[in-house]
Amino acid sequence: MTRNTAVVAIAAALGILGTTAAVASFNIDDRRNKGGYVIPCSLDGVNPVHHPDIFGSPAAARSYGFYLGPDRAWHVVPGCRTR
């Protein structure tokens, strides 16, 4: 094996191992990869797309202290406090 062939073979092997590790990490737990959790009365760092169980239902969103405004964006209910 020439030096260039060895370098290419090592690079390919490392690429396959890196890809395999990345794919395996996404399959461990789907809930963990959906963006964390939602704290009532706070939209800080929340992407509603990652929480369809809350933001897919107006009643569920309201129970967390959120409402969908006329601008189609989520807002915190004024005066919202955690219980």
PDB file of N, CA and C in Angstrom:
ATOM      1  N   MET A   1       0.836  -1.159   0.000  1.00  0.00           N
ATOM      2  CA  MET A   1       0.000   0.000   0.000  1.00  0.00           C
ATOM      3  C   MET A   1       0.895   1.240   0.000  1.00  0.00           C
ATOM      4  N   THR A   2       0.603   2.158  -0.900  1.00  0.00           N
ATOM      5  CA  THR A   2       1.398   3.380  -0.948  1.00  0.00           C
ATOM      6  C   THR A   2       0.945   4.325   0.151  1.00  0.00           C
ATOM      7  N   ARG A   3       1.721   5.338   0.360  1.00  0.00           N
ATOM      8  CA  ARG A   3       1.420   6.288   1.435  1.00  0.00           C
ATOM      9  C   ARG A   3       0.096   6.990   1.177  1.00  0.00           C
ATOM     10  N   ASN A   4      -0.159   7.434  -0.062  1.00  0.00           N
ATOM     11  CA  ASN A   4      -1.410   8.132  -0.383  1.00  0.00           C
ATOM     12  C   ASN A   4      -2.618   7.213  -0.196  1.00  0.00           C
ATOM     13  N   THR A   5      -2.491   5.963  -0.577  1.00  0.00           N
ATOM     14  CA  THR A   5      -3.588   5.006  -0.424  1.00  0.00           C
ATOM     15  C   THR A   5      -3.891   4.786   1.057  1.00  0.00           C
ATOM     16  N   ALA A   6      -2.840   4.713   1.877  1.00  0.00           N
ATOM     17  CA  ALA A   6      -3.027   4.523   3.310  1.00  0.00           C
ATOM     18  C   ALA A   6      -3.736   5.718   3.932  1.00  0.00           C
ATOM     19  N   VAL A   7      -3.358   6.907   3.515  1.00  0.00           N
ATOM     20  CA  VAL A   7      -3.986   8.127   4.045  1.00  0.00           C
ATOM     21  C   VAL A   7      -5.463   8.157   3.666  1.00  0.00           C
ATOM     22  N   VAL A   8      -5.782   7.831   2.427  1.00  0.00           N
ATOM     23  CA  VAL A   8      -7.173   7.805   1.971  1.00  0.00           C
ATOM     24  C   VAL A   8      -7.961   6.739   2.732  1.00  0.00           C
ATOM     25  N   ALA A   9      -7.384   5.575   2.952  1.00  0.00           N
ATOM     26  CA  ALA A   9      -8.065   4.505   3.674  1.00  0.00           C
ATOM     27  C   ALA A   9      -8.344   4.909   5.117  1.00  0.00           C
ATOM     28  N   ILE A  10      -7.399   5.555   5.768  1.00  0.00           N
ATOM     29  CA  ILE A  10      -7.592   6.006   7.153  1.00  0.00           C
ATOM     30  C   ILE A  10      -8.667   7.086   7.217  1.00  0.00           C
ATOM     31  N   ALA A  11      -8.631   8.023   6.284  1.00  0.00           N
ATOM     32  CA  ALA A  11      -9.635   9.084   6.257  1.00  0.00           C
ATOM     33  C   ALA A  11     -11.034   8.514   6.036  1.00  0.00           C
ATOM     34  N   ALA A  12     -11.160   7.547   5.161  1.00  0.00           N
ATOM     35  CA  ALA A  12     -12.460   6.922   4.902  1.00  0.00           C
ATOM     36  C   ALA A  12     -12.960   6.188   6.141  1.00  0.00           C
ATOM     37  N   ALA A  13     -12.068   5.469   6.813  1.00  0.00           N
ATOM     38  CA  ALA A  13     -12.464   4.733   8.018  1.00  0.00           C
ATOM     39  C   ALA A  13     -12.926   5.687   9.115  1.00  0.00           C
ATOM     40  N   LEU A  14     -12.214   6.788   9.305  1.00  0.00           N
ATOM     41  CA  LEU A  14     -12.609   7.766  10.318  1.00  0.00           C
ATOM     42  C   LEU A  14     -13.935   8.432   9.951  1.00  0.00           C
ATOM     43  N   GLY A  15     -14.148   8.687   8.674  1.00  0.00           N
ATOM     44  CA  GLY A  15     -15.413   9.266   8.231  1.00  0.00           C
ATOM     45  C   GLY A  15     -16.584   8.348   8.505  1.00  0.00           C
ATOM     46  N   ILE A  16     -16.398   7.063   8.257  1.00  0.00           N
ATOM     47  CA  ILE A  16     -17.463   6.085   8.515  1.00  0.00           C
ATOM     48  C   ILE A  16     -17.736   5.985  10.007  1.00  0.00           C
ATOM     49  N   LEU A  17     -16.696   5.945  10.824  1.00  0.00           N
ATOM     50  CA  LEU A  17     -16.886   5.866  12.271  1.00  0.00           C
ATOM     51  C   LEU A  17     -17.583   7.113  12.808  1.00  0.00           C
ATOM     52  N   GLY A  18     -17.206   8.279  12.312  1.00  0.00           N
ATOM     53  CA  GLY A  18     -17.840   9.523  12.752  1.00  0.00           C
ATOM     54  C   GLY A  18     -19.303   9.576  12.371  1.00  0.00           C
ATOM     55  N   THR A  19     -19.639   9.152  11.170  1.00  0.00           N
ATOM     56  CA  THR A  19     -21.022   9.143  10.713  1.00  0.00           C
ATOM     57  C   THR A  19     -21.839   8.152  11.525  1.00  0.00           C
ATOM     58  N   THR A  20     -21.288   6.998  11.789  1.00  0.00           N
ATOM     59  CA  THR A  20     -21.991   5.985  12.575  1.00  0.00           C
ATOM     60  C   THR A  20     -22.277   6.496  13.981  1.00  0.00           C
ATOM     61  N   ALA A  21     -21.324   7.146  14.600  1.00  0.00           N
ATOM     62  CA  ALA A  21     -21.523   7.681  15.951  1.00  0.00           C
ATOM     63  C   ALA A  21     -22.596   8.761  15.953  1.00  0.00           C
ATOM     64  N   ALA A  22     -22.610   9.626  14.940  1.00  0.00           N
ATOM     65  CA  ALA A  22     -23.620  10.686  14.867  1.00  0.00           C
ATOM     66  C   ALA A  22     -25.015  10.108  14.694  1.00  0.00           C
ATOM     67  N   VAL A  23     -25.155   9.120  13.844  1.00  0.00           N
ATOM     68  CA  VAL A  23     -26.462   8.491  13.631  1.00  0.00           C
ATOM     69  C   VAL A  23     -26.920   7.778  14.895  1.00  0.00           C
ATOM     70  N   ALA A  24     -26.025   7.092  15.562  1.00  0.00           N
ATOM     71  CA  ALA A  24     -26.388   6.368  16.783  1.00  0.00           C
ATOM     72  C   ALA A  24     -26.854   7.327  17.869  1.00  0.00           C
ATOM     73  N   SER A  25     -26.257   8.498  17.964  1.00  0.00           N
ATOM     74  CA  SER A  25     -26.647   9.431  19.013  1.00  0.00           C
ATOM     75  C   SER A  25     -28.052   9.970  18.788  1.00  0.00           C
ATOM     76  N   PHE A  26     -28.530  10.037  17.560  1.00  0.00           N
ATOM     77  CA  PHE A  26     -29.874  10.525  17.287  1.00  0.00           C
ATOM     78  C   PHE A  26     -30.930   9.474  17.565  1.00  0.00           C
ATOM     79  N   ASN A  27     -30.557   8.214  17.610  1.00  0.00           N
ATOM     80  CA  ASN A  27     -31.531   7.150  17.817  1.00  0.00           C
ATOM     81  C   ASN A  27     -31.659   6.721  19.274  1.00  0.00           C
ATOM     82  N   ILE A  28     -30.876   7.283  20.167  1.00  0.00           N
ATOM     83  CA  ILE A  28     -30.885   6.852  21.559  1.00  0.00           C
ATOM     84  C   ILE A  28     -32.233   7.139  22.212  1.00  0.00           C
ATOM     85  N   ASP A  29     -32.708   8.368  22.098  1.00  0.00           N
ATOM     86  CA  ASP A  29     -33.959   8.735  22.754  1.00  0.00           C
ATOM     87  C   ASP A  29     -34.559   9.917  22.015  1.00  0.00           C
ATOM     88  N   ASP A  30     -35.671   9.698  21.337  1.00  0.00           N
ATOM     89  CA  ASP A  30     -36.282  10.762  20.551  1.00  0.00           C
ATOM     90  C   ASP A  30     -36.680  11.954  21.405  1.00  0.00           C
ATOM     91  N   ARG A  31     -37.148  11.768  22.620  1.00  0.00           N
ATOM     92  CA  ARG A  31     -37.563  12.891  23.466  1.00  0.00           C
ATOM     93  C   ARG A  31     -36.379  13.800  23.784  1.00  0.00           C
ATOM     94  N   ARG A  32     -35.223  13.213  23.978  1.00  0.00           N
ATOM     95  CA  ARG A  32     -34.062  14.020  24.312  1.00  0.00           C
ATOM     96  C   ARG A  32     -33.661  14.919  23.156  1.00  0.00           C
ATOM     97  N   ASN A  33     -33.922  14.515  21.937  1.00  0.00           N
ATOM     98  CA  ASN A  33     -33.500  15.266  20.766  1.00  0.00           C
ATOM     99  C   ASN A  33     -34.570  16.221  20.251  1.00  0.00           C
ATOM    100  N   LYS A  34     -35.635  16.424  20.990  1.00  0.00           N
ATOM    101  CA  LYS A  34     -36.699  17.312  20.542  1.00  0.00           C
ATOM    102  C   LYS A  34     -36.563  18.714  21.098  1.00  0.00           C
ATOM    103  N   GLY A  35     -35.495  19.046  21.724  1.00  0.00           N
ATOM    104  CA  GLY A  35     -35.294  20.410  22.141  1.00  0.00           C
ATOM    105  C   GLY A  35     -35.495  20.685  23.611  1.00  0.00           C
ATOM    106  N   GLY A  36     -35.437  19.711  24.454  1.00  0.00           N
ATOM    107  CA  GLY A  36     -35.507  19.960  25.882  1.00  0.00           C
ATOM    108  C   GLY A  36     -36.908  19.964  26.419  1.00  0.00           C
ATOM    109  N   TYR A  37     -37.208  20.914  27.282  1.00  0.00           N
ATOM    110  CA  TYR A  37     -38.485  20.944  27.966  1.00  0.00           C
ATOM    111  C   TYR A  37     -39.023  22.365  27.970  1.00  0.00           C
ATOM    112  N   VAL A  38     -40.284  22.505  28.342  1.00  0.00           N
ATOM    113  CA  VAL A  38     -40.955  23.798  28.372  1.00  0.00           C
ATOM    114  C   VAL A  38     -41.293  24.127  29.821  1.00  0.00           C
ATOM    115  N   ILE A  39     -40.925  25.323  30.241  1.00  0.00           N
ATOM    116  CA  ILE A  39     -41.248  25.803  31.581  1.00  0.00           C
ATOM    117  C   ILE A  39     -42.495  26.674  31.467  1.00  0.00           C
ATOM    118  N   PRO A  40     -43.504  26.420  32.287  1.00  0.00           N
ATOM    119  CA  PRO A  40     -44.701  27.259  32.229  1.00  0.00           C
ATOM    120  C   PRO A  40     -44.360  28.742  32.393  1.00  0.00           C
ATOM    121  N   CYS A  41     -45.051  29.575  31.628  1.00  0.00           N
ATOM    122  CA  CYS A  41     -44.915  31.038  31.666  1.00  0.00           C
ATOM    123  C   CYS A  41     -43.578  31.537  31.113  1.00  0.00           C
ATOM    124  N   SER A  42     -42.839  30.722  30.396  1.00  0.00           N
ATOM    125  CA  SER A  42     -41.570  31.154  29.816  1.00  0.00           C
ATOM    126  C   SER A  42     -41.379  30.527  28.436  1.00  0.00           C
ATOM    127  N   LEU A  43     -41.155  31.384  27.452  1.00  0.00           N
ATOM    128  CA  LEU A  43     -40.858  30.910  26.099  1.00  0.00           C
ATOM    129  C   LEU A  43     -39.375  31.028  25.768  1.00  0.00           C
ATOM    130  N   ASP A  44     -38.563  31.307  26.768  1.00  0.00           N
ATOM    131  CA  ASP A  44     -37.123  31.459  26.555  1.00  0.00           C
ATOM    132  C   ASP A  44     -36.524  30.183  25.984  1.00  0.00           C
ATOM    133  N   GLY A  45     -35.978  30.277  24.792  1.00  0.00           N
ATOM    134  CA  GLY A  45     -35.295  29.152  24.165  1.00  0.00           C
ATOM    135  C   GLY A  45     -36.202  28.047  23.665  1.00  0.00           C
ATOM    136  N   VAL A  46     -37.505  28.289  23.602  1.00  0.00           N
ATOM    137  CA  VAL A  46     -38.452  27.252  23.197  1.00  0.00           C
ATOM    138  C   VAL A  46     -38.757  27.373  21.708  1.00  0.00           C
ATOM    139  N   ASN A  47     -38.638  26.263  20.997  1.00  0.00           N
ATOM    140  CA  ASN A  47     -39.071  26.196  19.608  1.00  0.00           C
ATOM    141  C   ASN A  47     -40.364  25.380  19.589  1.00  0.00           C
ATOM    142  N   PRO A  48     -41.501  26.025  19.347  1.00  0.00           N
ATOM    143  CA  PRO A  48     -42.784  25.319  19.392  1.00  0.00           C
ATOM    144  C   PRO A  48     -42.863  24.099  18.478  1.00  0.00           C
ATOM    145  N   VAL A  49     -42.101  24.083  17.418  1.00  0.00           N
ATOM    146  CA  VAL A  49     -42.115  22.944  16.502  1.00  0.00           C
ATOM    147  C   VAL A  49     -41.652  21.669  17.208  1.00  0.00           C
ATOM    148  N   HIS A  50     -40.779  21.803  18.173  1.00  0.00           N
ATOM    149  CA  HIS A  50     -40.249  20.645  18.893  1.00  0.00           C
ATOM    150  C   HIS A  50     -41.177  20.148  19.998  1.00  0.00           C
ATOM    151  N   HIS A  51     -42.297  20.850  20.219  1.00  0.00           N
ATOM    152  CA  HIS A  51     -43.218  20.479  21.289  1.00  0.00           C
ATOM    153  C   HIS A  51     -44.659  20.472  20.783  1.00  0.00           C
ATOM    154  N   PRO A  52     -44.964  19.589  19.829  1.00  0.00           N
ATOM    155  CA  PRO A  52     -46.324  19.572  19.276  1.00  0.00           C
ATOM    156  C   PRO A  52     -47.379  19.159  20.298  1.00  0.00           C
ATOM    157  N   ASP A  53     -46.963  18.423  21.330  1.00  0.00           N
ATOM    158  CA  ASP A  53     -47.922  18.026  22.361  1.00  0.00           C
ATOM    159  C   ASP A  53     -48.433  19.224  23.158  1.00  0.00           C
ATOM    160  N   ILE A  54     -47.666  20.300  23.219  1.00  0.00           N
ATOM    161  CA  ILE A  54     -48.088  21.514  23.915  1.00  0.00           C
ATOM    162  C   ILE A  54     -48.651  22.532  22.925  1.00  0.00           C
ATOM    163  N   PHE A  55     -47.879  22.868  21.900  1.00  0.00           N
ATOM    164  CA  PHE A  55     -48.264  23.944  20.994  1.00  0.00           C
ATOM    165  C   PHE A  55     -49.185  23.494  19.866  1.00  0.00           C
ATOM    166  N   GLY A  56     -49.487  22.213  19.806  1.00  0.00           N
ATOM    167  CA  GLY A  56     -50.434  21.720  18.816  1.00  0.00           C
ATOM    168  C   GLY A  56     -51.870  21.819  19.294  1.00  0.00           C
ATOM    169  N   SER A  57     -52.060  22.144  20.555  1.00  0.00           N
ATOM    170  CA  SER A  57     -53.392  22.245  21.146  1.00  0.00           C
ATOM    171  C   SER A  57     -53.500  23.569  21.903  1.00  0.00           C
ATOM    172  N   PRO A  58     -54.440  24.428  21.522  1.00  0.00           N
ATOM    173  CA  PRO A  58     -54.598  25.695  22.247  1.00  0.00           C
ATOM    174  C   PRO A  58     -54.864  25.498  23.750  1.00  0.00           C
ATOM    175  N   ALA A  59     -55.610  24.450  24.102  1.00  0.00           N
ATOM    176  CA  ALA A  59     -55.896  24.198  25.517  1.00  0.00           C
ATOM    177  C   ALA A  59     -54.626  23.801  26.272  1.00  0.00           C
ATOM    178  N   ALA A  60     -53.798  22.956  25.663  1.00  0.00           N
ATOM    179  CA  ALA A  60     -52.544  22.556  26.309  1.00  0.00           C
ATOM    180  C   ALA A  60     -51.605  23.745  26.442  1.00  0.00           C
ATOM    181  N   ALA A  61     -51.517  24.555  25.390  1.00  0.00           N
ATOM    182  CA  ALA A  61     -50.662  25.739  25.440  1.00  0.00           C
ATOM    183  C   ALA A  61     -51.145  26.692  26.530  1.00  0.00           C
ATOM    184  N   ARG A  62     -52.442  26.857  26.633  1.00  0.00           N
ATOM    185  CA  ARG A  62     -53.017  27.753  27.647  1.00  0.00           C
ATOM    186  C   ARG A  62     -52.689  27.241  29.059  1.00  0.00           C
ATOM    187  N   SER A  63     -52.657  25.928  29.233  1.00  0.00           N
ATOM    188  CA  SER A  63     -52.338  25.376  30.556  1.00  0.00           C
ATOM    189  C   SER A  63     -50.896  25.692  30.959  1.00  0.00           C
ATOM    190  N   TYR A  64     -50.044  25.962  29.980  1.00  0.00           N
ATOM    191  CA  TYR A  64     -48.661  26.368  30.247  1.00  0.00           C
ATOM    192  C   TYR A  64     -48.517  27.890  30.326  1.00  0.00           C
ATOM    193  N   GLY A  65     -49.614  28.614  30.048  1.00  0.00           N
ATOM    194  CA  GLY A  65     -49.575  30.071  30.117  1.00  0.00           C
ATOM    195  C   GLY A  65     -49.240  30.734  28.796  1.00  0.00           C
ATOM    196  N   PHE A  66     -49.517  30.074  27.676  1.00  0.00           N
ATOM    197  CA  PHE A  66     -49.210  30.623  26.355  1.00  0.00           C
ATOM    198  C   PHE A  66     -50.483  30.805  25.542  1.00  0.00           C
ATOM    199  N   TYR A  67     -50.438  31.743  24.624  1.00  0.00           N
ATOM    200  CA  TYR A  67     -51.533  31.902  23.668  1.00  0.00           C
ATOM    201  C   TYR A  67     -50.952  32.280  22.314  1.00  0.00           C
ATOM    202  N   LEU A  68     -51.675  31.940  21.270  1.00  0.00           N
ATOM    203  CA  LEU A  68     -51.257  32.251  19.906  1.00  0.00           C
ATOM    204  C   LEU A  68     -51.871  33.585  19.527  1.00  0.00           C
ATOM    205  N   GLY A  69     -51.019  34.569  19.289  1.00  0.00           N
ATOM    206  CA  GLY A  69     -51.491  35.914  18.987  1.00  0.00           C
ATOM    207  C   GLY A  69     -51.946  36.065  17.544  1.00  0.00           C
ATOM    208  N   PRO A  70     -52.567  37.201  17.241  1.00  0.00           N
ATOM    209  CA  PRO A  70     -53.022  37.460  15.879  1.00  0.00           C
ATOM    210  C   PRO A  70     -51.869  37.509  14.871  1.00  0.00           C
ATOM    211  N   ASP A  71     -50.670  37.721  15.370  1.00  0.00           N
ATOM    212  CA  ASP A  71     -49.487  37.726  14.500  1.00  0.00           C
ATOM    213  C   ASP A  71     -48.974  36.314  14.236  1.00  0.00           C
ATOM    214  N   ARG A  72     -49.722  35.279  14.720  1.00  0.00           N
ATOM    215  CA  ARG A  72     -49.387  33.860  14.559  1.00  0.00           C
ATOM    216  C   ARG A  72     -48.106  33.486  15.313  1.00  0.00           C
ATOM    217  N   ALA A  73     -47.744  34.266  16.322  1.00  0.00           N
ATOM    218  CA  ALA A  73     -46.601  33.968  17.187  1.00  0.00           C
ATOM    219  C   ALA A  73     -47.118  33.637  18.583  1.00  0.00           C
ATOM    220  N   TRP A  74     -46.372  32.805  19.303  1.00  0.00           N
ATOM    221  CA  TRP A  74     -46.768  32.434  20.655  1.00  0.00           C
ATOM    222  C   TRP A  74     -46.328  33.507  21.638  1.00  0.00           C
ATOM    223  N   HIS A  75     -47.194  33.784  22.614  1.00  0.00           N
ATOM    224  CA  HIS A  75     -46.924  34.803  23.634  1.00  0.00           C
ATOM    225  C   HIS A  75     -47.253  34.207  24.997  1.00  0.00           C
ATOM    226  N   VAL A  76     -46.671  34.830  26.051  1.00  0.00           N
ATOM    227  CA  VAL A  76     -46.995  34.439  27.413  1.00  0.00           C
ATOM    228  C   VAL A  76     -48.188  35.272  27.867  1.00  0.00           C
ATOM    229  N   VAL A  77     -49.139  34.629  28.510  1.00  0.00           N
ATOM    230  CA  VAL A  77     -50.325  35.305  29.025  1.00  0.00           C
ATOM    231  C   VAL A  77     -49.856  36.370  30.025  1.00  0.00           C
ATOM    232  N   PRO A  78     -50.343  37.616  29.882  1.00  0.00           N
ATOM    233  CA  PRO A  78     -49.945  38.665  30.843  1.00  0.00           C
ATOM    234  C   PRO A  78     -50.276  38.249  32.290  1.00  0.00           C
ATOM    235  N   GLY A  79     -49.353  38.481  33.185  1.00  0.00           N
ATOM    236  CA  GLY A  79     -49.542  38.143  34.590  1.00  0.00           C
ATOM    237  C   GLY A  79     -49.382  36.654  34.877  1.00  0.00           C
ATOM    238  N   CYS A  80     -48.870  35.899  33.934  1.00  0.00           N
ATOM    239  CA  CYS A  80     -48.702  34.458  34.128  1.00  0.00           C
ATOM    240  C   CYS A  80     -47.710  34.194  35.253  1.00  0.00           C
ATOM    241  N   ARG A  81     -48.088  33.278  36.134  1.00  0.00           N
ATOM    242  CA  ARG A  81     -47.208  32.865  37.238  1.00  0.00           C
ATOM    243  C   ARG A  81     -47.239  31.355  37.336  1.00  0.00           C
ATOM    244  N   THR A  82     -46.130  30.771  37.704  1.00  0.00           N
ATOM    245  CA  THR A  82     -46.112  29.328  37.924  1.00  0.00           C
ATOM    246  C   THR A  82     -46.816  29.035  39.235  1.00  0.00           C
ATOM    247  N   ARG A  83     -47.437  27.904  39.291  1.00  0.00           N
ATOM    248  CA  ARG A  83     -48.253  27.559  40.475  1.00  0.00           C
ATOM    249  C   ARG A  83     -47.449  27.000  41.575  1.00  0.00           C
TER     250      ARG A  83
END
